[in-house]
């Protein structure tokens, strides 16, 4: 979430997939 510091704060959200890579 990104939130501003306005008098009435507003925000936006971003959902991210993190892929875990296999190592040998």
PDBML (XML) file of the C-alpha atoms, coordinates in Angstrom:
<?xml version="1.0" encoding="UTF-8" ?>
<PDBx:datablock datablockName="MODEL"
   xmlns:PDBx="http://pdbml.pdb.org/schema/pdbx-v50.xsd"
   xmlns:xsi="http://www.w3.org/2001/XMLSchema-instance"
   xsi:schemaLocation="http://pdbml.pdb.org/schema/pdbx-v50.xsd pdbx-v50.xsd">
   <PDBx:atom_siteCategory>
      <PDBx:atom_site id="1">
         <PDBx:B_iso_or_equiv>0.00</PDBx:B_iso_or_equiv>
         <PDBx:Cartn_x>0.000</PDBx:Cartn_x>
         <PDBx:Cartn_y>0.000</PDBx:Cartn_y>
         <PDBx:Cartn_z>0.000</PDBx:Cartn_z>
         <PDBx:auth_asym_id>A</PDBx:auth_asym_id>
         <PDBx:auth_atom_id>CA</PDBx:auth_atom_id>
         <PDBx:auth_comp_id>UNK</PDBx:auth_comp_id>
         <PDBx:auth_seq_id>1</PDBx:auth_seq_id>
         <PDBx:group_PDB>ATOM</PDBx:group_PDB>
         <PDBx:label_alt_id xsi:nil="true" />
         <PDBx:label_asym_id>A</PDBx:label_asym_id>
         <PDBx:label_atom_id>CA</PDBx:label_atom_id>
         <PDBx:label_comp_id>UNK</PDBx:label_comp_id>
         <PDBx:label_entity_id>1</PDBx:label_entity_id>
         <PDBx:label_seq_id>1</PDBx:label_seq_id>
         <PDBx:occupancy>1.00</PDBx:occupancy>
         <PDBx:pdbx_PDB_model_num>1</PDBx:pdbx_PDB_model_num>
         <PDBx:type_symbol>C</PDBx:type_symbol>
      </PDBx:atom_site>
      <PDBx:atom_site id="2">
         <PDBx:B_iso_or_equiv>0.00</PDBx:B_iso_or_equiv>
         <PDBx:Cartn_x>1.169</PDBx:Cartn_x>
         <PDBx:Cartn_y>3.494</PDBx:Cartn_y>
         <PDBx:Cartn_z>-0.866</PDBx:Cartn_z>
         <PDBx:auth_asym_id>A</PDBx:auth_asym_id>
         <PDBx:auth_atom_id>CA</PDBx:auth_atom_id>
         <PDBx:auth_comp_id>UNK</PDBx:auth_comp_id>
         <PDBx:auth_seq_id>2</PDBx:auth_seq_id>
         <PDBx:group_PDB>ATOM</PDBx:group_PDB>
         <PDBx:label_alt_id xsi:nil="true" />
         <PDBx:label_asym_id>A</PDBx:label_asym_id>
         <PDBx:label_atom_id>CA</PDBx:label_atom_id>
         <PDBx:label_comp_id>UNK</PDBx:label_comp_id>
         <PDBx:label_entity_id>1</PDBx:label_entity_id>
         <PDBx:label_seq_id>2</PDBx:label_seq_id>
         <PDBx:occupancy>1.00</PDBx:occupancy>
         <PDBx:pdbx_PDB_model_num>1</PDBx:pdbx_PDB_model_num>
         <PDBx:type_symbol>C</PDBx:type_symbol>
      </PDBx:atom_site>
      <PDBx:atom_site id="3">
         <PDBx:B_iso_or_equiv>0.00</PDBx:B_iso_or_equiv>
         <PDBx:Cartn_x>-0.411</PDBx:Cartn_x>
         <PDBx:Cartn_y>6.137</PDBx:Cartn_y>
         <PDBx:Cartn_z>1.393</PDBx:Cartn_z>
         <PDBx:auth_asym_id>A</PDBx:auth_asym_id>
         <PDBx:auth_atom_id>CA</PDBx:auth_atom_id>
         <PDBx:auth_comp_id>UNK</PDBx:auth_comp_id>
         <PDBx:auth_seq_id>3</PDBx:auth_seq_id>
         <PDBx:group_PDB>ATOM</PDBx:group_PDB>
         <PDBx:label_alt_id xsi:nil="true" />
         <PDBx:label_asym_id>A</PDBx:label_asym_id>
         <PDBx:label_atom_id>CA</PDBx:label_atom_id>
         <PDBx:label_comp_id>UNK</PDBx:label_comp_id>
         <PDBx:label_entity_id>1</PDBx:label_entity_id>
         <PDBx:label_seq_id>3</PDBx:label_seq_id>
         <PDBx:occupancy>1.00</PDBx:occupancy>
         <PDBx:pdbx_PDB_model_num>1</PDBx:pdbx_PDB_model_num>
         <PDBx:type_symbol>C</PDBx:type_symbol>
      </PDBx:atom_site>
      <PDBx:atom_site id="4">
         <PDBx:B_iso_or_equiv>0.00</PDBx:B_iso_or_equiv>
         <PDBx:Cartn_x>-0.085</PDBx:Cartn_x>
         <PDBx:Cartn_y>9.902</PDBx:Cartn_y>
         <PDBx:Cartn_z>1.027</PDBx:Cartn_z>
         <PDBx:auth_asym_id>A</PDBx:auth_asym_id>
         <PDBx:auth_atom_id>CA</PDBx:auth_atom_id>
         <PDBx:auth_comp_id>UNK</PDBx:auth_comp_id>
         <PDBx:auth_seq_id>4</PDBx:auth_seq_id>
         <PDBx:group_PDB>ATOM</PDBx:group_PDB>
         <PDBx:label_alt_id xsi:nil="true" />
         <PDBx:label_asym_id>A</PDBx:label_asym_id>
         <PDBx:label_atom_id>CA</PDBx:label_atom_id>
         <PDBx:label_comp_id>UNK</PDBx:label_comp_id>
         <PDBx:label_entity_id>1</PDBx:label_entity_id>
         <PDBx:label_seq_id>4</PDBx:label_seq_id>
         <PDBx:occupancy>1.00</PDBx:occupancy>
         <PDBx:pdbx_PDB_model_num>1</PDBx:pdbx_PDB_model_num>
         <PDBx:type_symbol>C</PDBx:type_symbol>
      </PDBx:atom_site>
      <PDBx:atom_site id="5">
         <PDBx:B_iso_or_equiv>0.00</PDBx:B_iso_or_equiv>
         <PDBx:Cartn_x>-0.046</PDBx:Cartn_x>
         <PDBx:Cartn_y>12.369</PDBx:Cartn_y>
         <PDBx:Cartn_z>3.910</PDBx:Cartn_z>
         <PDBx:auth_asym_id>A</PDBx:auth_asym_id>
         <PDBx:auth_atom_id>CA</PDBx:auth_atom_id>
         <PDBx:auth_comp_id>UNK</PDBx:auth_comp_id>
         <PDBx:auth_seq_id>5</PDBx:auth_seq_id>
         <PDBx:group_PDB>ATOM</PDBx:group_PDB>
         <PDBx:label_alt_id xsi:nil="true" />
         <PDBx:label_asym_id>A</PDBx:label_asym_id>
         <PDBx:label_atom_id>CA</PDBx:label_atom_id>
         <PDBx:label_comp_id>UNK</PDBx:label_comp_id>
         <PDBx:label_entity_id>1</PDBx:label_entity_id>
         <PDBx:label_seq_id>5</PDBx:label_seq_id>
         <PDBx:occupancy>1.00</PDBx:occupancy>
         <PDBx:pdbx_PDB_model_num>1</PDBx:pdbx_PDB_model_num>
         <PDBx:type_symbol>C</PDBx:type_symbol>
      </PDBx:atom_site>
      <PDBx:atom_site id="6">
         <PDBx:B_iso_or_equiv>0.00</PDBx:B_iso_or_equiv>
         <PDBx:Cartn_x>-2.968</PDBx:Cartn_x>
         <PDBx:Cartn_y>14.500</PDBx:Cartn_y>
         <PDBx:Cartn_z>2.796</PDBx:Cartn_z>
         <PDBx:auth_asym_id>A</PDBx:auth_asym_id>
         <PDBx:auth_atom_id>CA</PDBx:auth_atom_id>
         <PDBx:auth_comp_id>UNK</PDBx:auth_comp_id>
         <PDBx:auth_seq_id>6</PDBx:auth_seq_id>
         <PDBx:group_PDB>ATOM</PDBx:group_PDB>
         <PDBx:label_alt_id xsi:nil="true" />
         <PDBx:label_asym_id>A</PDBx:label_asym_id>
         <PDBx:label_atom_id>CA</PDBx:label_atom_id>
         <PDBx:label_comp_id>UNK</PDBx:label_comp_id>
         <PDBx:label_entity_id>1</PDBx:label_entity_id>
         <PDBx:label_seq_id>6</PDBx:label_seq_id>
         <PDBx:occupancy>1.00</PDBx:occupancy>
         <PDBx:pdbx_PDB_model_num>1</PDBx:pdbx_PDB_model_num>
         <PDBx:type_symbol>C</PDBx:type_symbol>
      </PDBx:atom_site>
      <PDBx:atom_site id="7">
         <PDBx:B_iso_or_equiv>0.00</PDBx:B_iso_or_equiv>
         <PDBx:Cartn_x>-5.485</PDBx:Cartn_x>
         <PDBx:Cartn_y>15.892</PDBx:Cartn_y>
         <PDBx:Cartn_z>5.248</PDBx:Cartn_z>
         <PDBx:auth_asym_id>A</PDBx:auth_asym_id>
         <PDBx:auth_atom_id>CA</PDBx:auth_atom_id>
         <PDBx:auth_comp_id>UNK</PDBx:auth_comp_id>
         <PDBx:auth_seq_id>7</PDBx:auth_seq_id>
         <PDBx:group_PDB>ATOM</PDBx:group_PDB>
         <PDBx:label_alt_id xsi:nil="true" />
         <PDBx:label_asym_id>A</PDBx:label_asym_id>
         <PDBx:label_atom_id>CA</PDBx:label_atom_id>
         <PDBx:label_comp_id>UNK</PDBx:label_comp_id>
         <PDBx:label_entity_id>1</PDBx:label_entity_id>
         <PDBx:label_seq_id>7</PDBx:label_seq_id>
         <PDBx:occupancy>1.00</PDBx:occupancy>
         <PDBx:pdbx_PDB_model_num>1</PDBx:pdbx_PDB_model_num>
         <PDBx:type_symbol>C</PDBx:type_symbol>
      </PDBx:atom_site>
      <PDBx:atom_site id="8">
         <PDBx:B_iso_or_equiv>0.00</PDBx:B_iso_or_equiv>
         <PDBx:Cartn_x>-7.710</PDBx:Cartn_x>
         <PDBx:Cartn_y>12.976</PDBx:Cartn_y>
         <PDBx:Cartn_z>4.285</PDBx:Cartn_z>
         <PDBx:auth_asym_id>A</PDBx:auth_asym_id>
         <PDBx:auth_atom_id>CA</PDBx:auth_atom_id>
         <PDBx:auth_comp_id>UNK</PDBx:auth_comp_id>
         <PDBx:auth_seq_id>8</PDBx:auth_seq_id>
         <PDBx:group_PDB>ATOM</PDBx:group_PDB>
         <PDBx:label_alt_id xsi:nil="true" />
         <PDBx:label_asym_id>A</PDBx:label_asym_id>
         <PDBx:label_atom_id>CA</PDBx:label_atom_id>
         <PDBx:label_comp_id>UNK</PDBx:label_comp_id>
         <PDBx:label_entity_id>1</PDBx:label_entity_id>
         <PDBx:label_seq_id>8</PDBx:label_seq_id>
         <PDBx:occupancy>1.00</PDBx:occupancy>
         <PDBx:pdbx_PDB_model_num>1</PDBx:pdbx_PDB_model_num>
         <PDBx:type_symbol>C</PDBx:type_symbol>
      </PDBx:atom_site>
      <PDBx:atom_site id="9">
         <PDBx:B_iso_or_equiv>0.00</PDBx:B_iso_or_equiv>
         <PDBx:Cartn_x>-5.051</PDBx:Cartn_x>
         <PDBx:Cartn_y>10.429</PDBx:Cartn_y>
         <PDBx:Cartn_z>3.379</PDBx:Cartn_z>
         <PDBx:auth_asym_id>A</PDBx:auth_asym_id>
         <PDBx:auth_atom_id>CA</PDBx:auth_atom_id>
         <PDBx:auth_comp_id>UNK</PDBx:auth_comp_id>
         <PDBx:auth_seq_id>9</PDBx:auth_seq_id>
         <PDBx:group_PDB>ATOM</PDBx:group_PDB>
         <PDBx:label_alt_id xsi:nil="true" />
         <PDBx:label_asym_id>A</PDBx:label_asym_id>
         <PDBx:label_atom_id>CA</PDBx:label_atom_id>
         <PDBx:label_comp_id>UNK</PDBx:label_comp_id>
         <PDBx:label_entity_id>1</PDBx:label_entity_id>
         <PDBx:label_seq_id>9</PDBx:label_seq_id>
         <PDBx:occupancy>1.00</PDBx:occupancy>
         <PDBx:pdbx_PDB_model_num>1</PDBx:pdbx_PDB_model_num>
         <PDBx:type_symbol>C</PDBx:type_symbol>
      </PDBx:atom_site>
      <PDBx:atom_site id="10">
         <PDBx:B_iso_or_equiv>0.00</PDBx:B_iso_or_equiv>
         <PDBx:Cartn_x>-5.610</PDBx:Cartn_x>
         <PDBx:Cartn_y>8.365</PDBx:Cartn_y>
         <PDBx:Cartn_z>0.266</PDBx:Cartn_z>
         <PDBx:auth_asym_id>A</PDBx:auth_asym_id>
         <PDBx:auth_atom_id>CA</PDBx:auth_atom_id>
         <PDBx:auth_comp_id>UNK</PDBx:auth_comp_id>
         <PDBx:auth_seq_id>10</PDBx:auth_seq_id>
         <PDBx:group_PDB>ATOM</PDBx:group_PDB>
         <PDBx:label_alt_id xsi:nil="true" />
         <PDBx:label_asym_id>A</PDBx:label_asym_id>
         <PDBx:label_atom_id>CA</PDBx:label_atom_id>
         <PDBx:label_comp_id>UNK</PDBx:label_comp_id>
         <PDBx:label_entity_id>1</PDBx:label_entity_id>
         <PDBx:label_seq_id>10</PDBx:label_seq_id>
         <PDBx:occupancy>1.00</PDBx:occupancy>
         <PDBx:pdbx_PDB_model_num>1</PDBx:pdbx_PDB_model_num>
         <PDBx:type_symbol>C</PDBx:type_symbol>
      </PDBx:atom_site>
      <PDBx:atom_site id="11">
         <PDBx:B_iso_or_equiv>0.00</PDBx:B_iso_or_equiv>
         <PDBx:Cartn_x>-3.849</PDBx:Cartn_x>
         <PDBx:Cartn_y>5.231</PDBx:Cartn_y>
         <PDBx:Cartn_z>-0.891</PDBx:Cartn_z>
         <PDBx:auth_asym_id>A</PDBx:auth_asym_id>
         <PDBx:auth_atom_id>CA</PDBx:auth_atom_id>
         <PDBx:auth_comp_id>UNK</PDBx:auth_comp_id>
         <PDBx:auth_seq_id>11</PDBx:auth_seq_id>
         <PDBx:group_PDB>ATOM</PDBx:group_PDB>
         <PDBx:label_alt_id xsi:nil="true" />
         <PDBx:label_asym_id>A</PDBx:label_asym_id>
         <PDBx:label_atom_id>CA</PDBx:label_atom_id>
         <PDBx:label_comp_id>UNK</PDBx:label_comp_id>
         <PDBx:label_entity_id>1</PDBx:label_entity_id>
         <PDBx:label_seq_id>11</PDBx:label_seq_id>
         <PDBx:occupancy>1.00</PDBx:occupancy>
         <PDBx:pdbx_PDB_model_num>1</PDBx:pdbx_PDB_model_num>
         <PDBx:type_symbol>C</PDBx:type_symbol>
      </PDBx:atom_site>
      <PDBx:atom_site id="12">
         <PDBx:B_iso_or_equiv>0.00</PDBx:B_iso_or_equiv>
         <PDBx:Cartn_x>-3.349</PDBx:Cartn_x>
         <PDBx:Cartn_y>2.778</PDBx:Cartn_y>
         <PDBx:Cartn_z>-3.706</PDBx:Cartn_z>
         <PDBx:auth_asym_id>A</PDBx:auth_asym_id>
         <PDBx:auth_atom_id>CA</PDBx:auth_atom_id>
         <PDBx:auth_comp_id>UNK</PDBx:auth_comp_id>
         <PDBx:auth_seq_id>12</PDBx:auth_seq_id>
         <PDBx:group_PDB>ATOM</PDBx:group_PDB>
         <PDBx:label_alt_id xsi:nil="true" />
         <PDBx:label_asym_id>A</PDBx:label_asym_id>
         <PDBx:label_atom_id>CA</PDBx:label_atom_id>
         <PDBx:label_comp_id>UNK</PDBx:label_comp_id>
         <PDBx:label_entity_id>1</PDBx:label_entity_id>
         <PDBx:label_seq_id>12</PDBx:label_seq_id>
         <PDBx:occupancy>1.00</PDBx:occupancy>
         <PDBx:pdbx_PDB_model_num>1</PDBx:pdbx_PDB_model_num>
         <PDBx:type_symbol>C</PDBx:type_symbol>
      </PDBx:atom_site>
      <PDBx:atom_site id="13">
         <PDBx:B_iso_or_equiv>0.00</PDBx:B_iso_or_equiv>
         <PDBx:Cartn_x>-2.515</PDBx:Cartn_x>
         <PDBx:Cartn_y>-0.914</PDBx:Cartn_y>
         <PDBx:Cartn_z>-3.488</PDBx:Cartn_z>
         <PDBx:auth_asym_id>A</PDBx:auth_asym_id>
         <PDBx:auth_atom_id>CA</PDBx:auth_atom_id>
         <PDBx:auth_comp_id>UNK</PDBx:auth_comp_id>
         <PDBx:auth_seq_id>13</PDBx:auth_seq_id>
         <PDBx:group_PDB>ATOM</PDBx:group_PDB>
         <PDBx:label_alt_id xsi:nil="true" />
         <PDBx:label_asym_id>A</PDBx:label_asym_id>
         <PDBx:label_atom_id>CA</PDBx:label_atom_id>
         <PDBx:label_comp_id>UNK</PDBx:label_comp_id>
         <PDBx:label_entity_id>1</PDBx:label_entity_id>
         <PDBx:label_seq_id>13</PDBx:label_seq_id>
         <PDBx:occupancy>1.00</PDBx:occupancy>
         <PDBx:pdbx_PDB_model_num>1</PDBx:pdbx_PDB_model_num>
         <PDBx:type_symbol>C</PDBx:type_symbol>
      </PDBx:atom_site>
      <PDBx:atom_site id="14">
         <PDBx:B_iso_or_equiv>0.00</PDBx:B_iso_or_equiv>
         <PDBx:Cartn_x>-0.453</PDBx:Cartn_x>
         <PDBx:Cartn_y>-3.216</PDBx:Cartn_y>
         <PDBx:Cartn_z>-5.685</PDBx:Cartn_z>
         <PDBx:auth_asym_id>A</PDBx:auth_asym_id>
         <PDBx:auth_atom_id>CA</PDBx:auth_atom_id>
         <PDBx:auth_comp_id>UNK</PDBx:auth_comp_id>
         <PDBx:auth_seq_id>14</PDBx:auth_seq_id>
         <PDBx:group_PDB>ATOM</PDBx:group_PDB>
         <PDBx:label_alt_id xsi:nil="true" />
         <PDBx:label_asym_id>A</PDBx:label_asym_id>
         <PDBx:label_atom_id>CA</PDBx:label_atom_id>
         <PDBx:label_comp_id>UNK</PDBx:label_comp_id>
         <PDBx:label_entity_id>1</PDBx:label_entity_id>
         <PDBx:label_seq_id>14</PDBx:label_seq_id>
         <PDBx:occupancy>1.00</PDBx:occupancy>
         <PDBx:pdbx_PDB_model_num>1</PDBx:pdbx_PDB_model_num>
         <PDBx:type_symbol>C</PDBx:type_symbol>
      </PDBx:atom_site>
      <PDBx:atom_site id="15">
         <PDBx:B_iso_or_equiv>0.00</PDBx:B_iso_or_equiv>
         <PDBx:Cartn_x>-0.485</PDBx:Cartn_x>
         <PDBx:Cartn_y>-7.013</PDBx:Cartn_y>
         <PDBx:Cartn_z>-5.403</PDBx:Cartn_z>
         <PDBx:auth_asym_id>A</PDBx:auth_asym_id>
         <PDBx:auth_atom_id>CA</PDBx:auth_atom_id>
         <PDBx:auth_comp_id>UNK</PDBx:auth_comp_id>
         <PDBx:auth_seq_id>15</PDBx:auth_seq_id>
         <PDBx:group_PDB>ATOM</PDBx:group_PDB>
         <PDBx:label_alt_id xsi:nil="true" />
         <PDBx:label_asym_id>A</PDBx:label_asym_id>
         <PDBx:label_atom_id>CA</PDBx:label_atom_id>
         <PDBx:label_comp_id>UNK</PDBx:label_comp_id>
         <PDBx:label_entity_id>1</PDBx:label_entity_id>
         <PDBx:label_seq_id>15</PDBx:label_seq_id>
         <PDBx:occupancy>1.00</PDBx:occupancy>
         <PDBx:pdbx_PDB_model_num>1</PDBx:pdbx_PDB_model_num>
         <PDBx:type_symbol>C</PDBx:type_symbol>
      </PDBx:atom_site>
      <PDBx:atom_site id="16">
         <PDBx:B_iso_or_equiv>0.00</PDBx:B_iso_or_equiv>
         <PDBx:Cartn_x>2.767</PDBx:Cartn_x>
         <PDBx:Cartn_y>-8.684</PDBx:Cartn_y>
         <PDBx:Cartn_z>-6.428</PDBx:Cartn_z>
         <PDBx:auth_asym_id>A</PDBx:auth_asym_id>
         <PDBx:auth_atom_id>CA</PDBx:auth_atom_id>
         <PDBx:auth_comp_id>UNK</PDBx:auth_comp_id>
         <PDBx:auth_seq_id>16</PDBx:auth_seq_id>
         <PDBx:group_PDB>ATOM</PDBx:group_PDB>
         <PDBx:label_alt_id xsi:nil="true" />
         <PDBx:label_asym_id>A</PDBx:label_asym_id>
         <PDBx:label_atom_id>CA</PDBx:label_atom_id>
         <PDBx:label_comp_id>UNK</PDBx:label_comp_id>
         <PDBx:label_entity_id>1</PDBx:label_entity_id>
         <PDBx:label_seq_id>16</PDBx:label_seq_id>
         <PDBx:occupancy>1.00</PDBx:occupancy>
         <PDBx:pdbx_PDB_model_num>1</PDBx:pdbx_PDB_model_num>
         <PDBx:type_symbol>C</PDBx:type_symbol>
      </PDBx:atom_site>
      <PDBx:atom_site id="17">
         <PDBx:B_iso_or_equiv>0.00</PDBx:B_iso_or_equiv>
         <PDBx:Cartn_x>3.660</PDBx:Cartn_x>
         <PDBx:Cartn_y>-12.337</PDBx:Cartn_y>
         <PDBx:Cartn_z>-6.931</PDBx:Cartn_z>
         <PDBx:auth_asym_id>A</PDBx:auth_asym_id>
         <PDBx:auth_atom_id>CA</PDBx:auth_atom_id>
         <PDBx:auth_comp_id>UNK</PDBx:auth_comp_id>
         <PDBx:auth_seq_id>17</PDBx:auth_seq_id>
         <PDBx:group_PDB>ATOM</PDBx:group_PDB>
         <PDBx:label_alt_id xsi:nil="true" />
         <PDBx:label_asym_id>A</PDBx:label_asym_id>
         <PDBx:label_atom_id>CA</PDBx:label_atom_id>
         <PDBx:label_comp_id>UNK</PDBx:label_comp_id>
         <PDBx:label_entity_id>1</PDBx:label_entity_id>
         <PDBx:label_seq_id>17</PDBx:label_seq_id>
         <PDBx:occupancy>1.00</PDBx:occupancy>
         <PDBx:pdbx_PDB_model_num>1</PDBx:pdbx_PDB_model_num>
         <PDBx:type_symbol>C</PDBx:type_symbol>
      </PDBx:atom_site>
      <PDBx:atom_site id="18">
         <PDBx:B_iso_or_equiv>0.00</PDBx:B_iso_or_equiv>
         <PDBx:Cartn_x>7.140</PDBx:Cartn_x>
         <PDBx:Cartn_y>-13.249</PDBx:Cartn_y>
         <PDBx:Cartn_z>-5.688</PDBx:Cartn_z>
         <PDBx:auth_asym_id>A</PDBx:auth_asym_id>
         <PDBx:auth_atom_id>CA</PDBx:auth_atom_id>
         <PDBx:auth_comp_id>UNK</PDBx:auth_comp_id>
         <PDBx:auth_seq_id>18</PDBx:auth_seq_id>
         <PDBx:group_PDB>ATOM</PDBx:group_PDB>
         <PDBx:label_alt_id xsi:nil="true" />
         <PDBx:label_asym_id>A</PDBx:label_asym_id>
         <PDBx:label_atom_id>CA</PDBx:label_atom_id>
         <PDBx:label_comp_id>UNK</PDBx:label_comp_id>
         <PDBx:label_entity_id>1</PDBx:label_entity_id>
         <PDBx:label_seq_id>18</PDBx:label_seq_id>
         <PDBx:occupancy>1.00</PDBx:occupancy>
         <PDBx:pdbx_PDB_model_num>1</PDBx:pdbx_PDB_model_num>
         <PDBx:type_symbol>C</PDBx:type_symbol>
      </PDBx:atom_site>
      <PDBx:atom_site id="19">
         <PDBx:B_iso_or_equiv>0.00</PDBx:B_iso_or_equiv>
         <PDBx:Cartn_x>8.427</PDBx:Cartn_x>
         <PDBx:Cartn_y>-16.475</PDBx:Cartn_y>
         <PDBx:Cartn_z>-7.267</PDBx:Cartn_z>
         <PDBx:auth_asym_id>A</PDBx:auth_asym_id>
         <PDBx:auth_atom_id>CA</PDBx:auth_atom_id>
         <PDBx:auth_comp_id>UNK</PDBx:auth_comp_id>
         <PDBx:auth_seq_id>19</PDBx:auth_seq_id>
         <PDBx:group_PDB>ATOM</PDBx:group_PDB>
         <PDBx:label_alt_id xsi:nil="true" />
         <PDBx:label_asym_id>A</PDBx:label_asym_id>
         <PDBx:label_atom_id>CA</PDBx:label_atom_id>
         <PDBx:label_comp_id>UNK</PDBx:label_comp_id>
         <PDBx:label_entity_id>1</PDBx:label_entity_id>
         <PDBx:label_seq_id>19</PDBx:label_seq_id>
         <PDBx:occupancy>1.00</PDBx:occupancy>
         <PDBx:pdbx_PDB_model_num>1</PDBx:pdbx_PDB_model_num>
         <PDBx:type_symbol>C</PDBx:type_symbol>
      </PDBx:atom_site>
      <PDBx:atom_site id="20">
         <PDBx:B_iso_or_equiv>0.00</PDBx:B_iso_or_equiv>
         <PDBx:Cartn_x>10.908</PDBx:Cartn_x>
         <PDBx:Cartn_y>-18.518</PDBx:Cartn_y>
         <PDBx:Cartn_z>-5.240</PDBx:Cartn_z>
         <PDBx:auth_asym_id>A</PDBx:auth_asym_id>
         <PDBx:auth_atom_id>CA</PDBx:auth_atom_id>
         <PDBx:auth_comp_id>UNK</PDBx:auth_comp_id>
         <PDBx:auth_seq_id>20</PDBx:auth_seq_id>
         <PDBx:group_PDB>ATOM</PDBx:group_PDB>
         <PDBx:label_alt_id xsi:nil="true" />
         <PDBx:label_asym_id>A</PDBx:label_asym_id>
         <PDBx:label_atom_id>CA</PDBx:label_atom_id>
         <PDBx:label_comp_id>UNK</PDBx:label_comp_id>
         <PDBx:label_entity_id>1</PDBx:label_entity_id>
         <PDBx:label_seq_id>20</PDBx:label_seq_id>
         <PDBx:occupancy>1.00</PDBx:occupancy>
         <PDBx:pdbx_PDB_model_num>1</PDBx:pdbx_PDB_model_num>
         <PDBx:type_symbol>C</PDBx:type_symbol>
      </PDBx:atom_site>
      <PDBx:atom_site id="21">
         <PDBx:B_iso_or_equiv>0.00</PDBx:B_iso_or_equiv>
         <PDBx:Cartn_x>13.576</PDBx:Cartn_x>
         <PDBx:Cartn_y>-20.046</PDBx:Cartn_y>
         <PDBx:Cartn_z>-7.485</PDBx:Cartn_z>
         <PDBx:auth_asym_id>A</PDBx:auth_asym_id>
         <PDBx:auth_atom_id>CA</PDBx:auth_atom_id>
         <PDBx:auth_comp_id>UNK</PDBx:auth_comp_id>
         <PDBx:auth_seq_id>21</PDBx:auth_seq_id>
         <PDBx:group_PDB>ATOM</PDBx:group_PDB>
         <PDBx:label_alt_id xsi:nil="true" />
         <PDBx:label_asym_id>A</PDBx:label_asym_id>
         <PDBx:label_atom_id>CA</PDBx:label_atom_id>
         <PDBx:label_comp_id>UNK</PDBx:label_comp_id>
         <PDBx:label_entity_id>1</PDBx:label_entity_id>
         <PDBx:label_seq_id>21</PDBx:label_seq_id>
         <PDBx:occupancy>1.00</PDBx:occupancy>
         <PDBx:pdbx_PDB_model_num>1</PDBx:pdbx_PDB_model_num>
         <PDBx:type_symbol>C</PDBx:type_symbol>
      </PDBx:atom_site>
      <PDBx:atom_site id="22">
         <PDBx:B_iso_or_equiv>0.00</PDBx:B_iso_or_equiv>
         <PDBx:Cartn_x>15.038</PDBx:Cartn_x>
         <PDBx:Cartn_y>-23.461</PDBx:Cartn_y>
         <PDBx:Cartn_z>-6.850</PDBx:Cartn_z>
         <PDBx:auth_asym_id>A</PDBx:auth_asym_id>
         <PDBx:auth_atom_id>CA</PDBx:auth_atom_id>
         <PDBx:auth_comp_id>UNK</PDBx:auth_comp_id>
         <PDBx:auth_seq_id>22</PDBx:auth_seq_id>
         <PDBx:group_PDB>ATOM</PDBx:group_PDB>
         <PDBx:label_alt_id xsi:nil="true" />
         <PDBx:label_asym_id>A</PDBx:label_asym_id>
         <PDBx:label_atom_id>CA</PDBx:label_atom_id>
         <PDBx:label_comp_id>UNK</PDBx:label_comp_id>
         <PDBx:label_entity_id>1</PDBx:label_entity_id>
         <PDBx:label_seq_id>22</PDBx:label_seq_id>
         <PDBx:occupancy>1.00</PDBx:occupancy>
         <PDBx:pdbx_PDB_model_num>1</PDBx:pdbx_PDB_model_num>
         <PDBx:type_symbol>C</PDBx:type_symbol>
      </PDBx:atom_site>
      <PDBx:atom_site id="23">
         <PDBx:B_iso_or_equiv>0.00</PDBx:B_iso_or_equiv>
         <PDBx:Cartn_x>18.789</PDBx:Cartn_x>
         <PDBx:Cartn_y>-23.819</PDBx:Cartn_y>
         <PDBx:Cartn_z>-6.525</PDBx:Cartn_z>
         <PDBx:auth_asym_id>A</PDBx:auth_asym_id>
         <PDBx:auth_atom_id>CA</PDBx:auth_atom_id>
         <PDBx:auth_comp_id>UNK</PDBx:auth_comp_id>
         <PDBx:auth_seq_id>23</PDBx:auth_seq_id>
         <PDBx:group_PDB>ATOM</PDBx:group_PDB>
         <PDBx:label_alt_id xsi:nil="true" />
         <PDBx:label_asym_id>A</PDBx:label_asym_id>
         <PDBx:label_atom_id>CA</PDBx:label_atom_id>
         <PDBx:label_comp_id>UNK</PDBx:label_comp_id>
         <PDBx:label_entity_id>1</PDBx:label_entity_id>
         <PDBx:label_seq_id>23</PDBx:label_seq_id>
         <PDBx:occupancy>1.00</PDBx:occupancy>
         <PDBx:pdbx_PDB_model_num>1</PDBx:pdbx_PDB_model_num>
         <PDBx:type_symbol>C</PDBx:type_symbol>
      </PDBx:atom_site>
      <PDBx:atom_site id="24">
         <PDBx:B_iso_or_equiv>0.00</PDBx:B_iso_or_equiv>
         <PDBx:Cartn_x>20.789</PDBx:Cartn_x>
         <PDBx:Cartn_y>-27.013</PDBx:Cartn_y>
         <PDBx:Cartn_z>-6.728</PDBx:Cartn_z>
         <PDBx:auth_asym_id>A</PDBx:auth_asym_id>
         <PDBx:auth_atom_id>CA</PDBx:auth_atom_id>
         <PDBx:auth_comp_id>UNK</PDBx:auth_comp_id>
         <PDBx:auth_seq_id>24</PDBx:auth_seq_id>
         <PDBx:group_PDB>ATOM</PDBx:group_PDB>
         <PDBx:label_alt_id xsi:nil="true" />
         <PDBx:label_asym_id>A</PDBx:label_asym_id>
         <PDBx:label_atom_id>CA</PDBx:label_atom_id>
         <PDBx:label_comp_id>UNK</PDBx:label_comp_id>
         <PDBx:label_entity_id>1</PDBx:label_entity_id>
         <PDBx:label_seq_id>24</PDBx:label_seq_id>
         <PDBx:occupancy>1.00</PDBx:occupancy>
         <PDBx:pdbx_PDB_model_num>1</PDBx:pdbx_PDB_model_num>
         <PDBx:type_symbol>C</PDBx:type_symbol>
      </PDBx:atom_site>
   </PDBx:atom_siteCategory>
</PDBx:datablock>
